[in-house]
């Protein structure tokens, strides 16, 4: 009987951990792979043309941020 209770509590705990991880993943801010700025209303991200991850919509501004960060 105690094995069934232990298995049930283990399953419930695993479900809670999985739900917590899903919630964290949903709330995490994406970052541009080129300049590293976080996604916001002012800097929306789209797919990078080379498929390496999310990138800024405005490529000129993104390259400018990247150049200023490199100094």
Protein backbone atom coordinates (compact mmCIF):
# COMPACT_ATOMS: atom_id res chain seq x y z
CA UNK A 1 0.00 0.00 0.00
CA UNK A 2 2.77 2.45 0.84
CA UNK A 3 4.40 1.80 -2.55
CA UNK A 4 1.23 3.02 -4.27
CA UNK A 5 1.16 6.16 -2.12
CA UNK A 6 4.85 6.83 -2.80
CA UNK A 7 4.37 6.34 -6.54
CA UNK A 8 1.36 8.65 -6.55
CA UNK A 9 3.15 11.42 -4.67
CA UNK A 10 6.17 11.02 -6.96
CA UNK A 11 3.95 11.41 -10.05
CA UNK A 12 2.23 14.47 -8.58
CA UNK A 13 5.59 16.03 -7.73
CA UNK A 14 6.89 15.34 -11.26
CA UNK A 15 3.78 16.95 -12.75
CA UNK A 16 4.23 20.03 -10.56
CA UNK A 17 7.90 20.36 -11.56
CA UNK A 18 7.04 19.97 -15.26
CA UNK A 19 4.31 22.62 -15.04
CA UNK A 20 6.68 25.01 -13.26
CA UNK A 21 9.30 24.54 -16.00
CA UNK A 22 6.69 25.13 -18.72
CA UNK A 23 5.58 28.35 -17.00
CA UNK A 24 9.18 29.56 -16.72
CA UNK A 25 9.78 28.81 -20.40
CA UNK A 26 6.66 30.77 -21.40
CA UNK A 27 7.67 33.80 -19.33
CA UNK A 28 11.32 33.87 -20.37
CA UNK A 29 12.32 36.79 -22.58
CA UNK A 30 13.92 35.91 -25.90
CA UNK A 31 17.22 37.58 -26.83
CA UNK A 32 18.54 38.58 -30.23
CA UNK A 33 21.34 36.27 -31.37
CA UNK A 34 23.19 39.16 -33.04
CA UNK A 35 23.14 42.03 -30.52
CA UNK A 36 21.76 40.34 -27.37
CA UNK A 37 18.89 42.78 -26.72
CA UNK A 38 15.78 41.31 -25.03
CA UNK A 39 12.50 41.18 -26.93
CA UNK A 40 10.03 43.98 -26.14
CA UNK A 41 7.38 46.11 -27.86
CA UNK A 42 10.08 48.49 -29.08
CA UNK A 43 12.36 45.70 -30.32
CA UNK A 44 10.24 42.84 -31.66
CA UNK A 45 12.18 39.77 -32.77
CA UNK A 46 11.74 37.66 -35.89
CA UNK A 47 13.51 34.63 -37.27
CA UNK A 48 17.11 35.24 -38.37
CA UNK A 49 17.54 34.83 -42.16
CA UNK A 50 20.26 32.22 -41.63
CA UNK A 51 18.12 30.26 -39.17
CA UNK A 52 20.39 30.70 -36.15
CA UNK A 53 17.65 31.97 -33.82
CA UNK A 54 15.61 35.08 -33.06
CA UNK A 55 16.93 38.42 -34.36
CA UNK A 56 15.79 42.05 -34.40
CA UNK A 57 13.39 43.11 -37.14
CA UNK A 58 15.41 46.23 -37.91
CA UNK A 59 18.78 44.89 -39.05
CA UNK A 60 20.48 48.32 -39.24
CA UNK A 61 19.66 49.18 -35.63
CA UNK A 62 20.68 45.69 -34.55
CA UNK A 63 24.08 45.98 -36.25
CA UNK A 64 24.54 49.41 -34.63
CA UNK A 65 23.85 47.99 -31.16
CA UNK A 66 26.25 45.16 -31.86
CA UNK A 67 29.00 47.58 -32.93
CA UNK A 68 28.49 49.80 -29.87
CA UNK A 69 28.63 46.78 -27.52
CA UNK A 70 31.87 45.54 -29.06
CA UNK A 71 33.81 48.70 -28.17
